[in-house]
Amino acid sequence: MKILSLVFVFVMITNFLKAEINVNKCDNLTKRTDKINCLTKLKAKAIKENSKEKAKIIQNKLSKFHNRLGEGVEKTEEGIANTGKKIGQGAAKAEKNIQDGAKKTYIYIKNIFKKDKAE
């Protein structure tokens, strides 16, 4: 009887080790958030069922998906940086124009006071 119960426990454990996870389940999803959620849930399920091979496959898919998203983010960040540089250059030019104007005004007022003192 003990041997039969040990065999039963052994069969149950081996059944749990064979994960019934379809790693291609999320490939047809087009919405980014749905795809990330699906892959994350699959990975959690694979880890829960101790299926290291399937967890690695799912992690590779997640990494590839994140890399594609990262490329888009990098392009956006570069665009923002370029816009910031243009704004910074424009601000520097505007500041220089303001300083030049203030200097001209100072010289003008200074000359007015010199003329008043001379007369």
PDB file of N, CA and C in Angstrom:
ATOM      1  N   MET A   1       0.813  -1.189   0.000  1.00  0.00           N
ATOM      2  CA  MET A   1       0.000   0.000   0.000  1.00  0.00           C
ATOM      3  C   MET A   1       0.862   1.261   0.000  1.00  0.00           C
ATOM      4  N   LYS A   2       1.957   1.227   0.773  1.00  0.00           N
ATOM      5  CA  LYS A   2       2.852   2.373   0.811  1.00  0.00           C
ATOM      6  C   LYS A   2       3.494   2.603  -0.552  1.00  0.00           C
ATOM      7  N   ILE A   3       3.841   1.549  -1.224  1.00  0.00           N
ATOM      8  CA  ILE A   3       4.463   1.665  -2.546  1.00  0.00           C
ATOM      9  C   ILE A   3       3.463   2.271  -3.532  1.00  0.00           C
ATOM     10  N   LEU A   4       2.216   1.847  -3.450  1.00  0.00           N
ATOM     11  CA  LEU A   4       1.188   2.378  -4.339  1.00  0.00           C
ATOM     12  C   LEU A   4       0.966   3.878  -4.096  1.00  0.00           C
ATOM     13  N   SER A   5       0.955   4.278  -2.837  1.00  0.00           N
ATOM     14  CA  SER A   5       0.776   5.704  -2.539  1.00  0.00           C
ATOM     15  C   SER A   5       1.995   6.515  -2.989  1.00  0.00           C
ATOM     16  N   LEU A   6       3.204   5.962  -2.870  1.00  0.00           N
ATOM     17  CA  LEU A   6       4.408   6.643  -3.336  1.00  0.00           C
ATOM     18  C   LEU A   6       4.392   6.792  -4.856  1.00  0.00           C
ATOM     19  N   VAL A   7       3.948   5.764  -5.556  1.00  0.00           N
ATOM     20  CA  VAL A   7       3.853   5.836  -7.016  1.00  0.00           C
ATOM     21  C   VAL A   7       2.829   6.901  -7.410  1.00  0.00           C
ATOM     22  N   PHE A   8       1.714   6.935  -6.717  1.00  0.00           N
ATOM     23  CA  PHE A   8       0.683   7.928  -7.008  1.00  0.00           C
ATOM     24  C   PHE A   8       1.219   9.355  -6.806  1.00  0.00           C
ATOM     25  N   VAL A   9       1.928   9.586  -5.699  1.00  0.00           N
ATOM     26  CA  VAL A   9       2.514  10.905  -5.430  1.00  0.00           C
ATOM     27  C   VAL A   9       3.539  11.247  -6.508  1.00  0.00           C
ATOM     28  N   PHE A  10       4.356  10.289  -6.890  1.00  0.00           N
ATOM     29  CA  PHE A  10       5.378  10.517  -7.918  1.00  0.00           C
ATOM     30  C   PHE A  10       4.731  10.891  -9.257  1.00  0.00           C
ATOM     31  N   VAL A  11       3.660  10.207  -9.634  1.00  0.00           N
ATOM     32  CA  VAL A  11       2.953  10.498 -10.884  1.00  0.00           C
ATOM     33  C   VAL A  11       2.332  11.895 -10.825  1.00  0.00           C
ATOM     34  N   MET A  12       1.782  12.266  -9.707  1.00  0.00           N
ATOM     35  CA  MET A  12       1.178  13.592  -9.569  1.00  0.00           C
ATOM     36  C   MET A  12       2.239  14.692  -9.693  1.00  0.00           C
ATOM     37  N   ILE A  13       3.391  14.483  -9.079  1.00  0.00           N
ATOM     38  CA  ILE A  13       4.467  15.480  -9.145  1.00  0.00           C
ATOM     39  C   ILE A  13       4.975  15.629 -10.574  1.00  0.00           C
ATOM     40  N   THR A  14       5.158  14.524 -11.272  1.00  0.00           N
ATOM     41  CA  THR A  14       5.646  14.613 -12.652  1.00  0.00           C
ATOM     42  C   THR A  14       4.617  15.272 -13.563  1.00  0.00           C
ATOM     43  N   ASN A  15       3.327  15.105 -13.272  1.00  0.00           N
ATOM     44  CA  ASN A  15       2.300  15.781 -14.063  1.00  0.00           C
ATOM     45  C   ASN A  15       2.347  17.290 -13.856  1.00  0.00           C
ATOM     46  N   PHE A  16       2.640  17.720 -12.645  1.00  0.00           N
ATOM     47  CA  PHE A  16       2.737  19.152 -12.385  1.00  0.00           C
ATOM     48  C   PHE A  16       3.977  19.758 -13.031  1.00  0.00           C
ATOM     49  N   LEU A  17       5.030  18.964 -13.168  1.00  0.00           N
ATOM     50  CA  LEU A  17       6.254  19.482 -13.774  1.00  0.00           C
ATOM     51  C   LEU A  17       6.105  19.707 -15.275  1.00  0.00           C
ATOM     52  N   LYS A  18       5.206  18.980 -15.909  1.00  0.00           N
ATOM     53  CA  LYS A  18       4.950  19.177 -17.329  1.00  0.00           C
ATOM     54  C   LYS A  18       3.948  20.310 -17.476  1.00  0.00           C
ATOM     55  N   ALA A  19       4.451  21.484 -17.805  1.00  0.00           N
ATOM     56  CA  ALA A  19       3.584  22.660 -17.879  1.00  0.00           C
ATOM     57  C   ALA A  19       2.745  22.614 -19.140  1.00  0.00           C
ATOM     58  N   GLU A  20       1.483  22.891 -18.980  1.00  0.00           N
ATOM     59  CA  GLU A  20       0.554  22.940 -20.103  1.00  0.00           C
ATOM     60  C   GLU A  20       0.409  24.400 -20.541  1.00  0.00           C
ATOM     61  N   ILE A  21       1.496  24.984 -20.986  1.00  0.00           N
ATOM     62  CA  ILE A  21       1.503  26.398 -21.355  1.00  0.00           C
ATOM     63  C   ILE A  21       1.775  26.524 -22.841  1.00  0.00           C
ATOM     64  N   ASN A  22       0.930  27.281 -23.508  1.00  0.00           N
ATOM     65  CA  ASN A  22       1.133  27.555 -24.926  1.00  0.00           C
ATOM     66  C   ASN A  22       1.909  28.872 -25.029  1.00  0.00           C
ATOM     67  N   VAL A  23       3.194  28.793 -25.364  1.00  0.00           N
ATOM     68  CA  VAL A  23       4.036  29.989 -25.396  1.00  0.00           C
ATOM     69  C   VAL A  23       3.698  30.906 -26.573  1.00  0.00           C
ATOM     70  N   ASN A  24       2.957  30.409 -27.541  1.00  0.00           N
ATOM     71  CA  ASN A  24       2.577  31.211 -28.708  1.00  0.00           C
ATOM     72  C   ASN A  24       1.197  31.850 -28.549  1.00  0.00           C
ATOM     73  N   LYS A  25       0.632  31.761 -27.379  1.00  0.00           N
ATOM     74  CA  LYS A  25      -0.714  32.255 -27.126  1.00  0.00           C
ATOM     75  C   LYS A  25      -0.822  33.765 -27.364  1.00  0.00           C
ATOM     76  N   CYS A  26       0.208  34.505 -27.058  1.00  0.00           N
ATOM     77  CA  CYS A  26       0.147  35.972 -27.113  1.00  0.00           C
ATOM     78  C   CYS A  26       0.644  36.555 -28.429  1.00  0.00           C
ATOM     79  N   ASP A  27       1.073  35.726 -29.353  1.00  0.00           N
ATOM     80  CA  ASP A  27       1.665  36.226 -30.593  1.00  0.00           C
ATOM     81  C   ASP A  27       0.663  36.964 -31.475  1.00  0.00           C
ATOM     82  N   ASN A  28      -0.604  36.633 -31.402  1.00  0.00           N
ATOM     83  CA  ASN A  28      -1.603  37.235 -32.282  1.00  0.00           C
ATOM     84  C   ASN A  28      -2.157  38.555 -31.756  1.00  0.00           C
ATOM     85  N   LEU A  29      -1.812  38.920 -30.541  1.00  0.00           N
ATOM     86  CA  LEU A  29      -2.313  40.167 -29.967  1.00  0.00           C
ATOM     87  C   LEU A  29      -1.603  41.354 -30.599  1.00  0.00           C
ATOM     88  N   THR A  30      -2.372  42.389 -30.921  1.00  0.00           N
ATOM     89  CA  THR A  30      -1.779  43.559 -31.565  1.00  0.00           C
ATOM     90  C   THR A  30      -1.624  44.723 -30.599  1.00  0.00           C
ATOM     91  N   LYS A  31      -2.463  44.814 -29.606  1.00  0.00           N
ATOM     92  CA  LYS A  31      -2.391  45.906 -28.641  1.00  0.00           C
ATOM     93  C   LYS A  31      -1.216  45.663 -27.697  1.00  0.00           C
ATOM     94  N   ARG A  32      -0.369  46.662 -27.552  1.00  0.00           N
ATOM     95  CA  ARG A  32       0.866  46.507 -26.779  1.00  0.00           C
ATOM     96  C   ARG A  32       0.605  46.112 -25.335  1.00  0.00           C
ATOM     97  N   THR A  33      -0.334  46.805 -24.694  1.00  0.00           N
ATOM     98  CA  THR A  33      -0.588  46.528 -23.282  1.00  0.00           C
ATOM     99  C   THR A  33      -1.131  45.116 -23.086  1.00  0.00           C
ATOM    100  N   ASP A  34      -2.010  44.685 -23.976  1.00  0.00           N
ATOM    101  CA  ASP A  34      -2.554  43.325 -23.873  1.00  0.00           C
ATOM    102  C   ASP A  34      -1.445  42.293 -24.052  1.00  0.00           C
ATOM    103  N   LYS A  35      -0.537  42.546 -24.988  1.00  0.00           N
ATOM    104  CA  LYS A  35       0.544  41.598 -25.255  1.00  0.00           C
ATOM    105  C   LYS A  35       1.478  41.498 -24.056  1.00  0.00           C
ATOM    106  N   ILE A  36       1.836  42.628 -23.463  1.00  0.00           N
ATOM    107  CA  ILE A  36       2.715  42.603 -22.292  1.00  0.00           C
ATOM    108  C   ILE A  36       2.034  41.891 -21.136  1.00  0.00           C
ATOM    109  N   ASN A  37       0.753  42.183 -20.907  1.00  0.00           N
ATOM    110  CA  ASN A  37       0.019  41.520 -19.826  1.00  0.00           C
ATOM    111  C   ASN A  37      -0.044  40.016 -20.049  1.00  0.00           C
ATOM    112  N   CYS A  38      -0.328  39.612 -21.274  1.00  0.00           N
ATOM    113  CA  CYS A  38      -0.437  38.194 -21.593  1.00  0.00           C
ATOM    114  C   CYS A  38       0.894  37.478 -21.368  1.00  0.00           C
ATOM    115  N   LEU A  39       1.979  38.071 -21.887  1.00  0.00           N
ATOM    116  CA  LEU A  39       3.300  37.451 -21.730  1.00  0.00           C
ATOM    117  C   LEU A  39       3.716  37.394 -20.265  1.00  0.00           C
ATOM    118  N   THR A  40       3.393  38.424 -19.508  1.00  0.00           N
ATOM    119  CA  THR A  40       3.737  38.439 -18.088  1.00  0.00           C
ATOM    120  C   THR A  40       2.980  37.351 -17.335  1.00  0.00           C
ATOM    121  N   LYS A  41       1.696  37.200 -17.645  1.00  0.00           N
ATOM    122  CA  LYS A  41       0.899  36.151 -16.995  1.00  0.00           C
ATOM    123  C   LYS A  41       1.401  34.762 -17.375  1.00  0.00           C
ATOM    124  N   LEU A  42       1.766  34.586 -18.647  1.00  0.00           N
ATOM    125  CA  LEU A  42       2.305  33.286 -19.074  1.00  0.00           C
ATOM    126  C   LEU A  42       3.603  32.971 -18.352  1.00  0.00           C
ATOM    127  N   LYS A  43       4.452  33.980 -18.202  1.00  0.00           N
ATOM    128  CA  LYS A  43       5.727  33.760 -17.518  1.00  0.00           C
ATOM    129  C   LYS A  43       5.491  33.387 -16.060  1.00  0.00           C
ATOM    130  N   ALA A  44       4.554  34.082 -15.414  1.00  0.00           N
ATOM    131  CA  ALA A  44       4.231  33.761 -14.022  1.00  0.00           C
ATOM    132  C   ALA A  44       3.698  32.336 -13.900  1.00  0.00           C
ATOM    133  N   LYS A  45       2.866  31.932 -14.851  1.00  0.00           N
ATOM    134  CA  LYS A  45       2.321  30.581 -14.840  1.00  0.00           C
ATOM    135  C   LYS A  45       3.428  29.547 -15.051  1.00  0.00           C
ATOM    136  N   ALA A  46       4.363  29.852 -15.956  1.00  0.00           N
ATOM    137  CA  ALA A  46       5.474  28.931 -16.214  1.00  0.00           C
ATOM    138  C   ALA A  46       6.367  28.800 -14.984  1.00  0.00           C
ATOM    139  N   ILE A  47       6.606  29.904 -14.309  1.00  0.00           N
ATOM    140  CA  ILE A  47       7.426  29.865 -13.096  1.00  0.00           C
ATOM    141  C   ILE A  47       6.706  29.093 -12.002  1.00  0.00           C
ATOM    142  N   LYS A  48       5.406  29.311 -11.896  1.00  0.00           N
ATOM    143  CA  LYS A  48       4.601  28.616 -10.887  1.00  0.00           C
ATOM    144  C   LYS A  48       4.638  27.106 -11.103  1.00  0.00           C
ATOM    145  N   GLU A  49       4.650  26.690 -12.371  1.00  0.00           N
ATOM    146  CA  GLU A  49       4.653  25.258 -12.679  1.00  0.00           C
ATOM    147  C   GLU A  49       6.060  24.707 -12.863  1.00  0.00           C
ATOM    148  N   ASN A  50       7.079  25.485 -12.501  1.00  0.00           N
ATOM    149  CA  ASN A  50       8.479  25.066 -12.567  1.00  0.00           C
ATOM    150  C   ASN A  50       8.913  24.649 -13.961  1.00  0.00           C
ATOM    151  N   SER A  51       8.456  25.326 -14.973  1.00  0.00           N
ATOM    152  CA  SER A  51       8.867  25.045 -16.339  1.00  0.00           C
ATOM    153  C   SER A  51       9.883  26.105 -16.757  1.00  0.00           C
ATOM    154  N   LYS A  52      11.147  25.826 -16.478  1.00  0.00           N
ATOM    155  CA  LYS A  52      12.200  26.794 -16.735  1.00  0.00           C
ATOM    156  C   LYS A  52      12.393  27.055 -18.224  1.00  0.00           C
ATOM    157  N   GLU A  53      12.246  26.015 -19.042  1.00  0.00           N
ATOM    158  CA  GLU A  53      12.445  26.174 -20.482  1.00  0.00           C
ATOM    159  C   GLU A  53      11.409  27.118 -21.078  1.00  0.00           C
ATOM    160  N   LYS A  54      10.155  26.910 -20.722  1.00  0.00           N
ATOM    161  CA  LYS A  54       9.097  27.762 -21.252  1.00  0.00           C
ATOM    162  C   LYS A  54       9.197  29.176 -20.683  1.00  0.00           C
ATOM    163  N   ALA A  55       9.629  29.299 -19.440  1.00  0.00           N
ATOM    164  CA  ALA A  55       9.820  30.623 -18.846  1.00  0.00           C
ATOM    165  C   ALA A  55      10.914  31.391 -19.589  1.00  0.00           C
ATOM    166  N   LYS A  56      11.976  30.683 -20.003  1.00  0.00           N
ATOM    167  CA  LYS A  56      13.043  31.336 -20.773  1.00  0.00           C
ATOM    168  C   LYS A  56      12.538  31.787 -22.138  1.00  0.00           C
ATOM    169  N   ILE A  57      11.735  30.949 -22.782  1.00  0.00           N
ATOM    170  CA  ILE A  57      11.177  31.304 -24.093  1.00  0.00           C
ATOM    171  C   ILE A  57      10.303  32.555 -23.967  1.00  0.00           C
ATOM    172  N   ILE A  58       9.459  32.563 -22.946  1.00  0.00           N
ATOM    173  CA  ILE A  58       8.567  33.705 -22.733  1.00  0.00           C
ATOM    174  C   ILE A  58       9.370  34.949 -22.379  1.00  0.00           C
ATOM    175  N   GLN A  59      10.424  34.792 -21.565  1.00  0.00           N
ATOM    176  CA  GLN A  59      11.277  35.931 -21.212  1.00  0.00           C
ATOM    177  C   GLN A  59      11.964  36.501 -22.454  1.00  0.00           C
ATOM    178  N   ASN A  60      12.396  35.634 -23.366  1.00  0.00           N
ATOM    179  CA  ASN A  60      13.005  36.107 -24.619  1.00  0.00           C
ATOM    180  C   ASN A  60      11.998  36.917 -25.436  1.00  0.00           C
ATOM    181  N   LYS A  61      10.756  36.449 -25.480  1.00  0.00           N
ATOM    182  CA  LYS A  61       9.721  37.189 -26.212  1.00  0.00           C
ATOM    183  C   LYS A  61       9.477  38.546 -25.558  1.00  0.00           C
ATOM    184  N   LEU A  62       9.429  38.571 -24.229  1.00  0.00           N
ATOM    185  CA  LEU A  62       9.256  39.836 -23.516  1.00  0.00           C
ATOM    186  C   LEU A  62      10.423  40.781 -23.788  1.00  0.00           C
ATOM    187  N   SER A  63      11.639  40.247 -23.786  1.00  0.00           N
ATOM    188  CA  SER A  63      12.819  41.076 -24.031  1.00  0.00           C
ATOM    189  C   SER A  63      12.798  41.662 -25.439  1.00  0.00           C
ATOM    190  N   LYS A  64      12.449  40.842 -26.421  1.00  0.00           N
ATOM    191  CA  LYS A  64      12.378  41.331 -27.795  1.00  0.00           C
ATOM    192  C   LYS A  64      11.316  42.420 -27.922  1.00  0.00           C
ATOM    193  N   PHE A  65      10.186  42.198 -27.277  1.00  0.00           N
ATOM    194  CA  PHE A  65       9.102  43.179 -27.329  1.00  0.00           C
ATOM    195  C   PHE A  65       9.532  44.486 -26.665  1.00  0.00           C
ATOM    196  N   HIS A  66      10.220  44.386 -25.513  1.00  0.00           N
ATOM    197  CA  HIS A  66      10.695  45.584 -24.828  1.00  0.00           C
ATOM    198  C   HIS A  66      11.761  46.302 -25.651  1.00  0.00           C
ATOM    199  N   ASN A  67      12.603  45.542 -26.359  1.00  0.00           N
ATOM    200  CA  ASN A  67      13.617  46.170 -27.211  1.00  0.00           C
ATOM    201  C   ASN A  67      12.965  46.964 -28.333  1.00  0.00           C
ATOM    202  N   ARG A  68      11.907  46.408 -28.941  1.00  0.00           N
ATOM    203  CA  ARG A  68      11.198  47.143 -29.986  1.00  0.00           C
ATOM    204  C   ARG A  68      10.574  48.410 -29.427  1.00  0.00           C
ATOM    205  N   LEU A  69      10.003  48.304 -28.237  1.00  0.00           N
ATOM    206  CA  LEU A  69       9.431  49.494 -27.607  1.00  0.00           C
ATOM    207  C   LEU A  69      10.531  50.499 -27.276  1.00  0.00           C
ATOM    208  N   GLY A  70      11.679  49.987 -26.825  1.00  0.00           N
ATOM    209  CA  GLY A  70      12.799  50.853 -26.473  1.00  0.00           C
ATOM    210  C   GLY A  70      13.307  51.647 -27.654  1.00  0.00           C
ATOM    211  N   GLU A  71      13.329  51.037 -28.843  1.00  0.00           N
ATOM    212  CA  GLU A  71      13.779  51.753 -30.028  1.00  0.00           C
ATOM    213  C   GLU A  71      12.858  52.932 -30.320  1.00  0.00           C
ATOM    214  N   GLY A  72      11.570  52.720 -30.190  1.00  0.00           N
ATOM    215  CA  GLY A  72      10.620  53.811 -30.400  1.00  0.00           C
ATOM    216  C   GLY A  72      10.790  54.908 -29.363  1.00  0.00           C
ATOM    217  N   VAL A  73      11.048  54.507 -28.129  1.00  0.00           N
ATOM    218  CA  VAL A  73      11.244  55.477 -27.058  1.00  0.00           C
ATOM    219  C   VAL A  73      12.526  56.276 -27.310  1.00  0.00           C
ATOM    220  N   GLU A  74      13.588  55.588 -27.778  1.00  0.00           N
ATOM    221  CA  GLU A  74      14.838  56.277 -28.067  1.00  0.00           C
ATOM    222  C   GLU A  74      14.646  57.332 -29.153  1.00  0.00           C
ATOM    223  N   LYS A  75      13.888  56.993 -30.199  1.00  0.00           N
ATOM    224  CA  LYS A  75      13.634  57.955 -31.270  1.00  0.00           C
ATOM    225  C   LYS A  75      12.870  59.158 -30.733  1.00  0.00           C
ATOM    226  N   THR A  76      11.890  58.903 -29.883  1.00  0.00           N
ATOM    227  CA  THR A  76      11.120  59.993 -29.294  1.00  0.00           C
ATOM    228  C   THR A  76      12.010  60.868 -28.420  1.00  0.00           C
ATOM    229  N   GLU A  77      12.871  60.231 -27.608  1.00  0.00           N
ATOM    230  CA  GLU A  77      13.768  60.988 -26.741  1.00  0.00           C
ATOM    231  C   GLU A  77      14.735  61.837 -27.557  1.00  0.00           C
ATOM    232  N   GLU A  78      15.251  61.293 -28.671  1.00  0.00           N
ATOM    233  CA  GLU A  78      16.150  62.061 -29.529  1.00  0.00           C
ATOM    234  C   GLU A  78      15.426  63.276 -30.104  1.00  0.00           C
ATOM    235  N   GLY A  79      14.187  63.088 -30.534  1.00  0.00           N
ATOM    236  CA  GLY A  79      13.407  64.202 -31.050  1.00  0.00           C
ATOM    237  C   GLY A  79      13.190  65.272 -30.001  1.00  0.00           C
ATOM    238  N   ILE A  80      12.893  64.844 -28.784  1.00  0.00           N
ATOM    239  CA  ILE A  80      12.686  65.803 -27.691  1.00  0.00           C
ATOM    240  C   ILE A  80      13.987  66.538 -27.384  1.00  0.00           C
ATOM    241  N   ALA A  81      15.113  65.807 -27.388  1.00  0.00           N
ATOM    242  CA  ALA A  81      16.409  66.444 -27.114  1.00  0.00           C
ATOM    243  C   ALA A  81      16.744  67.467 -28.190  1.00  0.00           C
ATOM    244  N   ASN A  82      16.498  67.114 -29.457  1.00  0.00           N
ATOM    245  CA  ASN A  82      16.771  68.058 -30.542  1.00  0.00           C
ATOM    246  C   ASN A  82      15.901  69.297 -30.431  1.00  0.00           C
ATOM    247  N   THR A  83      14.646  69.094 -30.091  1.00  0.00           N
ATOM    248  CA  THR A  83      13.746  70.238 -29.898  1.00  0.00           C
ATOM    249  C   THR A  83      14.225  71.096 -28.740  1.00  0.00           C
ATOM    250  N   GLY A  84      14.658  70.446 -27.674  1.00  0.00           N
ATOM    251  CA  GLY A  84      15.189  71.185 -26.523  1.00  0.00           C
ATOM    252  C   GLY A  84      16.418  71.997 -26.891  1.00  0.00           C
ATOM    253  N   LYS A  85      17.296  71.416 -27.714  1.00  0.00           N
ATOM    254  CA  LYS A  85      18.485  72.153 -28.147  1.00  0.00           C
ATOM    255  C   LYS A  85      18.099  73.368 -28.964  1.00  0.00           C
ATOM    256  N   LYS A  86      17.127  73.191 -29.872  1.00  0.00           N
ATOM    257  CA  LYS A  86      16.678  74.317 -30.693  1.00  0.00           C
ATOM    258  C   LYS A  86      16.083  75.411 -29.818  1.00  0.00           C
ATOM    259  N   ILE A  87      15.286  75.010 -28.834  1.00  0.00           N
ATOM    260  CA  ILE A  87      14.682  75.986 -27.927  1.00  0.00           C
ATOM    261  C   ILE A  87      15.774  76.680 -27.120  1.00  0.00           C
ATOM    262  N   GLY A  88      16.764  75.891 -26.666  1.00  0.00           N
ATOM    263  CA  GLY A  88      17.874  76.466 -25.902  1.00  0.00           C
ATOM    264  C   GLY A  88      18.661  77.468 -26.718  1.00  0.00           C
ATOM    265  N   GLN A  89      18.920  77.145 -27.977  1.00  0.00           N
ATOM    266  CA  GLN A  89      19.637  78.076 -28.851  1.00  0.00           C
ATOM    267  C   GLN A  89      18.798  79.326 -29.085  1.00  0.00           C
ATOM    268  N   GLY A  90      17.519  79.154 -29.302  1.00  0.00           N
ATOM    269  CA  GLY A  90      16.631  80.295 -29.489  1.00  0.00           C
ATOM    270  C   GLY A  90      16.579  81.164 -28.245  1.00  0.00           C
ATOM    271  N   ALA A  91      16.557  80.514 -27.072  1.00  0.00           N
ATOM    272  CA  ALA A  91      16.528  81.262 -25.814  1.00  0.00           C
ATOM    273  C   ALA A  91      17.827  82.026 -25.628  1.00  0.00           C
ATOM    274  N   ALA A  92      18.949  81.408 -25.990  1.00  0.00           N
ATOM    275  CA  ALA A  92      20.241  82.086 -25.870  1.00  0.00           C
ATOM    276  C   ALA A  92      20.293  83.303 -26.792  1.00  0.00           C
ATOM    277  N   LYS A  93      19.772  83.153 -28.011  1.00  0.00           N
ATOM    278  CA  LYS A  93      19.735  84.290 -28.943  1.00  0.00           C
ATOM    279  C   LYS A  93      18.828  85.396 -28.414  1.00  0.00           C
ATOM    280  N   ALA A  94      17.697  85.012 -27.880  1.00  0.00           N
ATOM    281  CA  ALA A  94      16.764  85.997 -27.329  1.00  0.00           C
ATOM    282  C   ALA A  94      17.385  86.721 -26.148  1.00  0.00           C
ATOM    283  N   GLU A  95      18.073  85.969 -25.290  1.00  0.00           N
ATOM    284  CA  GLU A  95      18.727  86.576 -24.135  1.00  0.00           C
ATOM    285  C   GLU A  95      19.818  87.551 -24.580  1.00  0.00           C
ATOM    286  N   LYS A  96      20.582  87.169 -25.591  1.00  0.00           N
ATOM    287  CA  LYS A  96      21.634  88.042 -26.119  1.00  0.00           C
ATOM    288  C   LYS A  96      21.016  89.320 -26.697  1.00  0.00           C
ATOM    289  N   ASN A  97      19.910  89.179 -27.418  1.00  0.00           N
ATOM    290  CA  ASN A  97      19.234  90.356 -27.963  1.00  0.00           C
ATOM    291  C   ASN A  97      18.734  91.281 -26.852  1.00  0.00           C
ATOM    292  N   ILE A  98      18.223  90.684 -25.796  1.00  0.00           N
ATOM    293  CA  ILE A  98      17.748  91.491 -24.659  1.00  0.00           C
ATOM    294  C   ILE A  98      18.919  92.215 -24.009  1.00  0.00           C
ATOM    295  N   GLN A  99      20.041  91.518 -23.827  1.00  0.00           N
ATOM    296  CA  GLN A  99      21.221  92.147 -23.230  1.00  0.00           C
ATOM    297  C   GLN A  99      21.743  93.277 -24.110  1.00  0.00           C
ATOM    298  N   ASP A 100      21.789  93.037 -25.422  1.00  0.00           N
ATOM    299  CA  ASP A 100      22.233  94.088 -26.346  1.00  0.00           C
ATOM    300  C   ASP A 100      21.307  95.297 -26.283  1.00  0.00           C
ATOM    301  N   GLY A 101      20.018  95.049 -26.257  1.00  0.00           N
ATOM    302  CA  GLY A 101      19.049  96.136 -26.156  1.00  0.00           C
ATOM    303  C   GLY A 101      19.209  96.912 -24.863  1.00  0.00           C
ATOM    304  N   ALA A 102      19.412  96.183 -23.766  1.00  0.00           N
ATOM    305  CA  ALA A 102      19.590  96.843 -22.468  1.00  0.00           C
ATOM    306  C   ALA A 102      20.867  97.679 -22.469  1.00  0.00           C
ATOM    307  N   LYS A 103      21.914  97.160 -23.076  1.00  0.00           N
ATOM    308  CA  LYS A 103      23.182  97.878 -23.152  1.00  0.00           C
ATOM    309  C   LYS A 103      23.030  99.155 -23.977  1.00  0.00           C
ATOM    310  N   LYS A 104      22.329  99.044 -25.111  1.00  0.00           N
ATOM    311  CA  LYS A 104      22.094 100.227 -25.951  1.00  0.00           C
ATOM    312  C   LYS A 104      21.265 101.265 -25.202  1.00  0.00           C
ATOM    313  N   THR A 105      20.278 100.808 -24.464  1.00  0.00           N
ATOM    314  CA  THR A 105      19.444 101.722 -23.686  1.00  0.00           C
ATOM    315  C   THR A 105      20.271 102.405 -22.608  1.00  0.00           C
ATOM    316  N   TYR A 106      21.131 101.644 -21.947  1.00  0.00           N
ATOM    317  CA  TYR A 106      22.000 102.199 -20.897  1.00  0.00           C
ATOM    318  C   TYR A 106      22.915 103.271 -21.488  1.00  0.00           C
ATOM    319  N   ILE A 107      23.524 102.955 -22.634  1.00  0.00           N
ATOM    320  CA  ILE A 107      24.414 103.921 -23.283  1.00  0.00           C
ATOM    321  C   ILE A 107      23.628 105.171 -23.691  1.00  0.00           C
ATOM    322  N   TYR A 108      22.451 104.997 -24.205  1.00  0.00           N
ATOM    323  CA  TYR A 108      21.612 106.123 -24.627  1.00  0.00           C
ATOM    324  C   TYR A 108      21.291 107.033 -23.443  1.00  0.00           C
ATOM    325  N   ILE A 109      20.871 106.403 -22.344  1.00  0.00           N
ATOM    326  CA  ILE A 109      20.517 107.190 -21.144  1.00  0.00           C
ATOM    327  C   ILE A 109      21.766 107.855 -20.577  1.00  0.00           C
ATOM    328  N   LYS A 110      22.881 107.159 -20.587  1.00  0.00           N
ATOM    329  CA  LYS A 110      24.142 107.703 -20.082  1.00  0.00           C
ATOM    330  C   LYS A 110      24.536 108.937 -20.891  1.00  0.00           C
ATOM    331  N   ASN A 111      24.379 108.860 -22.222  1.00  0.00           N
ATOM    332  CA  ASN A 111      24.712 109.984 -23.080  1.00  0.00           C
ATOM    333  C   ASN A 111      23.782 111.178 -22.838  1.00  0.00           C
ATOM    334  N   ILE A 112      22.519 110.893 -22.537  1.00  0.00           N
ATOM    335  CA  ILE A 112      21.571 111.977 -22.244  1.00  0.00           C
ATOM    336  C   ILE A 112      22.016 112.730 -21.004  1.00  0.00           C
ATOM    337  N   PHE A 113      22.410 111.989 -19.954  1.00  0.00           N
ATOM    338  CA  PHE A 113      22.847 112.642 -18.726  1.00  0.00           C
ATOM    339  C   PHE A 113      24.157 113.408 -18.939  1.00  0.00           C
ATOM    340  N   LYS A 114      25.047 112.895 -19.793  1.00  0.00           N
ATOM    341  CA  LYS A 114      26.290 113.605 -20.075  1.00  0.00           C
ATOM    342  C   LYS A 114      25.992 114.924 -20.780  1.00  0.00           C
ATOM    343  N   LYS A 115      25.025 114.904 -21.718  1.00  0.00           N
ATOM    344  CA  LYS A 115      24.665 116.127 -22.433  1.00  0.00           C
ATOM    345  C   LYS A 115      24.053 117.143 -21.480  1.00  0.00           C
ATOM    346  N   ASP A 116      23.216 116.661 -20.548  1.00  0.00           N
ATOM    347  CA  ASP A 116      22.578 117.559 -19.585  1.00  0.00           C
ATOM    348  C   ASP A 116      23.616 118.215 -18.665  1.00  0.00           C
ATOM    349  N   LYS A 117      24.646 117.489 -18.273  1.00  0.00           N
ATOM    350  CA  LYS A 117      25.685 118.013 -17.385  1.00  0.00           C
ATOM    351  C   LYS A 117      26.578 118.980 -18.129  1.00  0.00           C
ATOM    352  N   ALA A 118      26.783 118.711 -19.427  1.00  0.00           N
ATOM    353  CA  ALA A 118      27.647 119.582 -20.218  1.00  0.00           C
ATOM    354  C   ALA A 118      26.987 120.927 -20.473  1.00  0.00           C
ATOM    355  N   GLU A 119      25.707 120.979 -20.565  1.00  0.00           N
ATOM    356  CA  GLU A 119      25.011 122.221 -20.868  1.00  0.00           C
ATOM    357  C   GLU A 119      24.827 123.021 -19.678  1.00  0.00           C
TER     358      GLU A 119
END
